[in-house]
Amino acid sequence: MIDDLYEQLRRLGVVQNKSDFSITWLGKEKSYYRGLLSKQREPSVDALAHCASKLRTVSVYFPSSKKRVMGRLANQCLEELLSSKARHIDALH
C-alpha cells in the first residue's frame, strides 16, 4: 500500500523523492520510507494518520482530477490505519 501511495504522489508531482515523502507526507525523518522498504515493514499508525490528514488538507489546492486521486489515497491511508489497529487489537486477545 505504501509503495502505491508513494508512486501515485510522485506521478502527481507532489513528491520529489523518498526523503521528501518521509518528511512531508509521513511526518517522519528523511530515511523512514527507505527503512520501511529495506525491512519490509508497514508504516506506523501515526505516519498513516499524518499522510491522510495531509492529503485531505492540501487536496483543496489542486484541480478536481488530482483532488479525486488525493481523496482516494487519503481513504486508503485511513483504511490501512484501521486495519493496522484491528490487527493490533486481535494480537492482544
N, C-alpha and C. Protein backbone atom coordinates (compact mmCIF):
# COMPACT_ATOMS: atom_id res chain seq x y z
N MET A 1 0.81 -1.18 0.00
CA MET A 1 0.00 0.00 0.00
C MET A 1 0.86 1.26 0.00
N ILE A 2 1.89 1.28 0.84
CA ILE A 2 2.74 2.47 0.95
C ILE A 2 3.51 2.72 -0.34
N ASP A 3 3.90 1.65 -1.05
CA ASP A 3 4.61 1.82 -2.32
C ASP A 3 3.70 2.46 -3.36
N ASP A 4 2.45 2.01 -3.41
CA ASP A 4 1.48 2.58 -4.33
C ASP A 4 1.24 4.05 -4.01
N LEU A 5 1.13 4.36 -2.75
CA LEU A 5 0.93 5.74 -2.32
C LEU A 5 2.09 6.62 -2.77
N TYR A 6 3.30 6.18 -2.53
CA TYR A 6 4.49 6.93 -2.95
C TYR A 6 4.48 7.15 -4.46
N GLU A 7 4.25 6.10 -5.22
CA GLU A 7 4.29 6.21 -6.68
C GLU A 7 3.20 7.14 -7.21
N GLN A 8 2.01 7.05 -6.65
CA GLN A 8 0.93 7.92 -7.13
C GLN A 8 1.21 9.39 -6.80
N LEU A 9 1.72 9.65 -5.62
CA LEU A 9 2.05 11.04 -5.27
C LEU A 9 3.20 11.55 -6.13
N ARG A 10 4.12 10.67 -6.47
CA ARG A 10 5.23 11.06 -7.35
C ARG A 10 4.70 11.39 -8.74
N ARG A 11 3.77 10.57 -9.23
CA ARG A 11 3.17 10.83 -10.55
C ARG A 11 2.36 12.13 -10.56
N LEU A 12 1.75 12.45 -9.44
CA LEU A 12 1.00 13.71 -9.33
C LEU A 12 1.93 14.92 -9.27
N GLY A 13 3.21 14.66 -9.03
CA GLY A 13 4.19 15.73 -8.97
C GLY A 13 4.28 16.42 -7.62
N VAL A 14 3.76 15.79 -6.58
CA VAL A 14 3.80 16.41 -5.25
C VAL A 14 4.87 15.79 -4.35
N VAL A 15 5.54 14.76 -4.85
CA VAL A 15 6.64 14.12 -4.12
C VAL A 15 7.85 14.10 -5.05
N GLN A 16 8.96 14.57 -4.55
CA GLN A 16 10.18 14.61 -5.35
C GLN A 16 11.01 13.33 -5.22
N ASN A 17 11.09 12.80 -3.98
CA ASN A 17 11.91 11.62 -3.74
C ASN A 17 11.46 10.97 -2.42
N LYS A 18 12.13 9.90 -2.06
CA LYS A 18 11.75 9.14 -0.86
C LYS A 18 11.93 9.94 0.43
N SER A 19 12.95 10.77 0.47
CA SER A 19 13.16 11.61 1.65
C SER A 19 12.03 12.62 1.80
N ASP A 20 11.66 13.23 0.69
CA ASP A 20 10.55 14.19 0.69
C ASP A 20 9.26 13.51 1.15
N PHE A 21 9.01 12.32 0.66
CA PHE A 21 7.83 11.56 1.05
C PHE A 21 7.83 11.29 2.56
N SER A 22 8.96 10.86 3.08
CA SER A 22 9.08 10.57 4.51
C SER A 22 8.78 11.79 5.36
N ILE A 23 9.38 12.91 5.01
CA ILE A 23 9.26 14.12 5.81
C ILE A 23 7.90 14.79 5.63
N THR A 24 7.56 15.07 4.38
CA THR A 24 6.37 15.87 4.09
C THR A 24 5.07 15.10 4.25
N TRP A 25 5.04 13.88 3.77
CA TRP A 25 3.78 13.14 3.71
C TRP A 25 3.58 12.15 4.84
N LEU A 26 4.67 11.66 5.42
CA LEU A 26 4.54 10.71 6.53
C LEU A 26 4.86 11.34 7.88
N GLY A 27 5.42 12.55 7.85
CA GLY A 27 5.74 13.24 9.11
C GLY A 27 6.87 12.59 9.88
N LYS A 28 7.79 11.98 9.17
CA LYS A 28 8.89 11.25 9.80
C LYS A 28 10.23 11.80 9.33
N GLU A 29 11.30 11.23 9.82
CA GLU A 29 12.63 11.67 9.39
C GLU A 29 12.90 11.15 7.97
N LYS A 30 13.92 11.72 7.33
CA LYS A 30 14.10 11.53 5.89
C LYS A 30 14.34 10.09 5.44
N SER A 31 14.86 9.23 6.28
CA SER A 31 15.14 7.85 5.85
C SER A 31 14.03 6.87 6.25
N TYR A 32 12.93 7.37 6.79
CA TYR A 32 11.86 6.50 7.28
C TYR A 32 11.32 5.57 6.19
N TYR A 33 10.94 6.12 5.06
CA TYR A 33 10.36 5.30 3.99
C TYR A 33 11.38 4.29 3.46
N ARG A 34 12.62 4.70 3.28
CA ARG A 34 13.66 3.76 2.83
C ARG A 34 13.82 2.62 3.84
N GLY A 35 13.72 2.93 5.12
CA GLY A 35 13.80 1.91 6.16
C GLY A 35 12.65 0.92 6.09
N LEU A 36 11.44 1.44 5.82
CA LEU A 36 10.29 0.55 5.66
C LEU A 36 10.52 -0.42 4.52
N LEU A 37 11.03 0.11 3.42
CA LEU A 37 11.27 -0.74 2.24
C LEU A 37 12.33 -1.80 2.52
N SER A 38 13.43 -1.39 3.12
CA SER A 38 14.52 -2.34 3.34
C SER A 38 14.17 -3.41 4.37
N LYS A 39 13.36 -3.06 5.34
CA LYS A 39 12.97 -4.02 6.38
C LYS A 39 11.63 -4.69 6.09
N GLN A 40 11.03 -4.32 4.97
CA GLN A 40 9.72 -4.87 4.55
C GLN A 40 8.69 -4.72 5.67
N ARG A 41 8.59 -3.51 6.18
CA ARG A 41 7.64 -3.21 7.26
C ARG A 41 6.54 -2.31 6.76
N GLU A 42 5.47 -2.29 7.52
CA GLU A 42 4.34 -1.40 7.24
C GLU A 42 4.56 -0.07 7.96
N PRO A 43 4.00 1.01 7.45
CA PRO A 43 4.15 2.30 8.13
C PRO A 43 3.42 2.31 9.46
N SER A 44 3.87 3.16 10.35
CA SER A 44 3.23 3.28 11.66
C SER A 44 1.86 3.93 11.52
N VAL A 45 1.06 3.75 12.54
CA VAL A 45 -0.28 4.33 12.57
C VAL A 45 -0.19 5.85 12.48
N ASP A 46 0.75 6.44 13.21
CA ASP A 46 0.84 7.90 13.17
C ASP A 46 1.31 8.41 11.82
N ALA A 47 2.14 7.65 11.11
CA ALA A 47 2.55 8.05 9.76
C ALA A 47 1.36 8.01 8.80
N LEU A 48 0.54 6.96 8.92
CA LEU A 48 -0.65 6.87 8.07
C LEU A 48 -1.65 7.99 8.38
N ALA A 49 -1.83 8.28 9.65
CA ALA A 49 -2.74 9.35 10.04
C ALA A 49 -2.24 10.70 9.53
N HIS A 50 -0.94 10.93 9.64
CA HIS A 50 -0.35 12.17 9.15
C HIS A 50 -0.57 12.30 7.64
N CYS A 51 -0.34 11.22 6.93
CA CYS A 51 -0.48 11.24 5.48
C CYS A 51 -1.93 11.49 5.07
N ALA A 52 -2.87 10.82 5.69
CA ALA A 52 -4.28 11.01 5.36
C ALA A 52 -4.69 12.46 5.62
N SER A 53 -4.26 13.00 6.74
CA SER A 53 -4.58 14.38 7.08
C SER A 53 -3.98 15.36 6.07
N LYS A 54 -2.73 15.13 5.73
CA LYS A 54 -2.03 15.99 4.77
C LYS A 54 -2.71 15.93 3.40
N LEU A 55 -3.09 14.73 2.97
CA LEU A 55 -3.77 14.58 1.69
C LEU A 55 -5.07 15.36 1.67
N ARG A 56 -5.85 15.25 2.72
CA ARG A 56 -7.13 15.97 2.80
C ARG A 56 -6.90 17.48 2.81
N THR A 57 -5.91 17.92 3.55
CA THR A 57 -5.65 19.35 3.71
C THR A 57 -5.19 19.99 2.40
N VAL A 58 -4.23 19.38 1.73
CA VAL A 58 -3.67 20.01 0.53
C VAL A 58 -4.49 19.75 -0.73
N SER A 59 -5.36 18.77 -0.73
CA SER A 59 -6.11 18.45 -1.95
C SER A 59 -6.98 19.61 -2.42
N VAL A 60 -7.39 20.48 -1.51
CA VAL A 60 -8.24 21.61 -1.90
C VAL A 60 -7.52 22.59 -2.84
N TYR A 61 -6.22 22.52 -2.89
CA TYR A 61 -5.44 23.43 -3.74
C TYR A 61 -5.17 22.87 -5.13
N PHE A 62 -5.68 21.69 -5.42
CA PHE A 62 -5.41 21.04 -6.69
C PHE A 62 -6.65 20.99 -7.57
N PRO A 63 -6.45 20.84 -8.88
CA PRO A 63 -7.60 20.69 -9.78
C PRO A 63 -8.40 19.43 -9.42
N SER A 64 -9.63 19.38 -9.87
CA SER A 64 -10.54 18.30 -9.45
C SER A 64 -10.02 16.91 -9.76
N SER A 65 -9.32 16.71 -10.88
CA SER A 65 -8.81 15.37 -11.20
C SER A 65 -7.79 14.91 -10.17
N LYS A 66 -6.88 15.78 -9.79
CA LYS A 66 -5.89 15.44 -8.76
C LYS A 66 -6.55 15.35 -7.39
N LYS A 67 -7.55 16.18 -7.15
CA LYS A 67 -8.25 16.18 -5.88
C LYS A 67 -8.92 14.83 -5.63
N ARG A 68 -9.51 14.26 -6.67
CA ARG A 68 -10.16 12.94 -6.54
C ARG A 68 -9.13 11.87 -6.19
N VAL A 69 -8.00 11.90 -6.87
CA VAL A 69 -6.94 10.92 -6.60
C VAL A 69 -6.44 11.07 -5.16
N MET A 70 -6.23 12.31 -4.74
CA MET A 70 -5.73 12.53 -3.38
C MET A 70 -6.77 12.11 -2.34
N GLY A 71 -8.03 12.32 -2.62
CA GLY A 71 -9.08 11.87 -1.71
C GLY A 71 -9.10 10.36 -1.59
N ARG A 72 -8.94 9.68 -2.73
CA ARG A 72 -8.89 8.21 -2.72
C ARG A 72 -7.68 7.72 -1.94
N LEU A 73 -6.54 8.37 -2.12
CA LEU A 73 -5.33 7.98 -1.39
C LEU A 73 -5.49 8.22 0.11
N ALA A 74 -6.14 9.30 0.48
CA ALA A 74 -6.40 9.56 1.90
C ALA A 74 -7.27 8.45 2.48
N ASN A 75 -8.28 8.04 1.72
CA ASN A 75 -9.14 6.94 2.18
C ASN A 75 -8.35 5.65 2.34
N GLN A 76 -7.42 5.38 1.42
CA GLN A 76 -6.58 4.18 1.53
C GLN A 76 -5.74 4.24 2.80
N CYS A 77 -5.20 5.41 3.11
CA CYS A 77 -4.41 5.56 4.34
C CYS A 77 -5.26 5.26 5.56
N LEU A 78 -6.47 5.79 5.56
CA LEU A 78 -7.36 5.57 6.71
C LEU A 78 -7.77 4.11 6.83
N GLU A 79 -8.04 3.46 5.69
CA GLU A 79 -8.39 2.03 5.72
C GLU A 79 -7.23 1.20 6.26
N GLU A 80 -6.02 1.51 5.82
CA GLU A 80 -4.84 0.79 6.31
C GLU A 80 -4.63 1.06 7.79
N LEU A 81 -4.86 2.28 8.21
CA LEU A 81 -4.73 2.63 9.62
C LEU A 81 -5.70 1.80 10.45
N LEU A 82 -6.95 1.72 10.03
CA LEU A 82 -7.94 0.94 10.77
C LEU A 82 -7.60 -0.54 10.76
N SER A 83 -7.14 -1.05 9.64
CA SER A 83 -6.74 -2.46 9.56
C SER A 83 -5.57 -2.75 10.50
N SER A 84 -4.63 -1.83 10.55
CA SER A 84 -3.48 -1.99 11.42
C SER A 84 -3.90 -2.01 12.89
N LYS A 85 -4.80 -1.10 13.26
CA LYS A 85 -5.29 -1.09 14.64
C LYS A 85 -6.04 -2.37 14.95
N ALA A 86 -6.85 -2.86 14.01
CA ALA A 86 -7.61 -4.11 14.23
C ALA A 86 -6.66 -5.29 14.42
N ARG A 87 -5.60 -5.35 13.62
CA ARG A 87 -4.60 -6.43 13.76
C ARG A 87 -3.93 -6.36 15.14
N HIS A 88 -3.65 -5.15 15.58
CA HIS A 88 -3.02 -4.95 16.87
C HIS A 88 -3.94 -5.41 18.00
N ILE A 89 -5.20 -5.06 17.92
CA ILE A 89 -6.18 -5.46 18.93
C ILE A 89 -6.35 -6.98 18.94
N ASP A 90 -6.43 -7.58 17.75
CA ASP A 90 -6.55 -9.04 17.65
C ASP A 90 -5.33 -9.74 18.28
N ALA A 91 -4.16 -9.16 18.09
CA ALA A 91 -2.95 -9.76 18.65
C ALA A 91 -2.94 -9.71 20.17
N LEU A 92 -3.65 -8.77 20.74
CA LEU A 92 -3.72 -8.66 22.20
C LEU A 92 -4.63 -9.72 22.82
N HIS A 93 -5.53 -10.27 22.03
CA HIS A 93 -6.51 -11.24 22.57
C HIS A 93 -6.08 -12.64 22.37
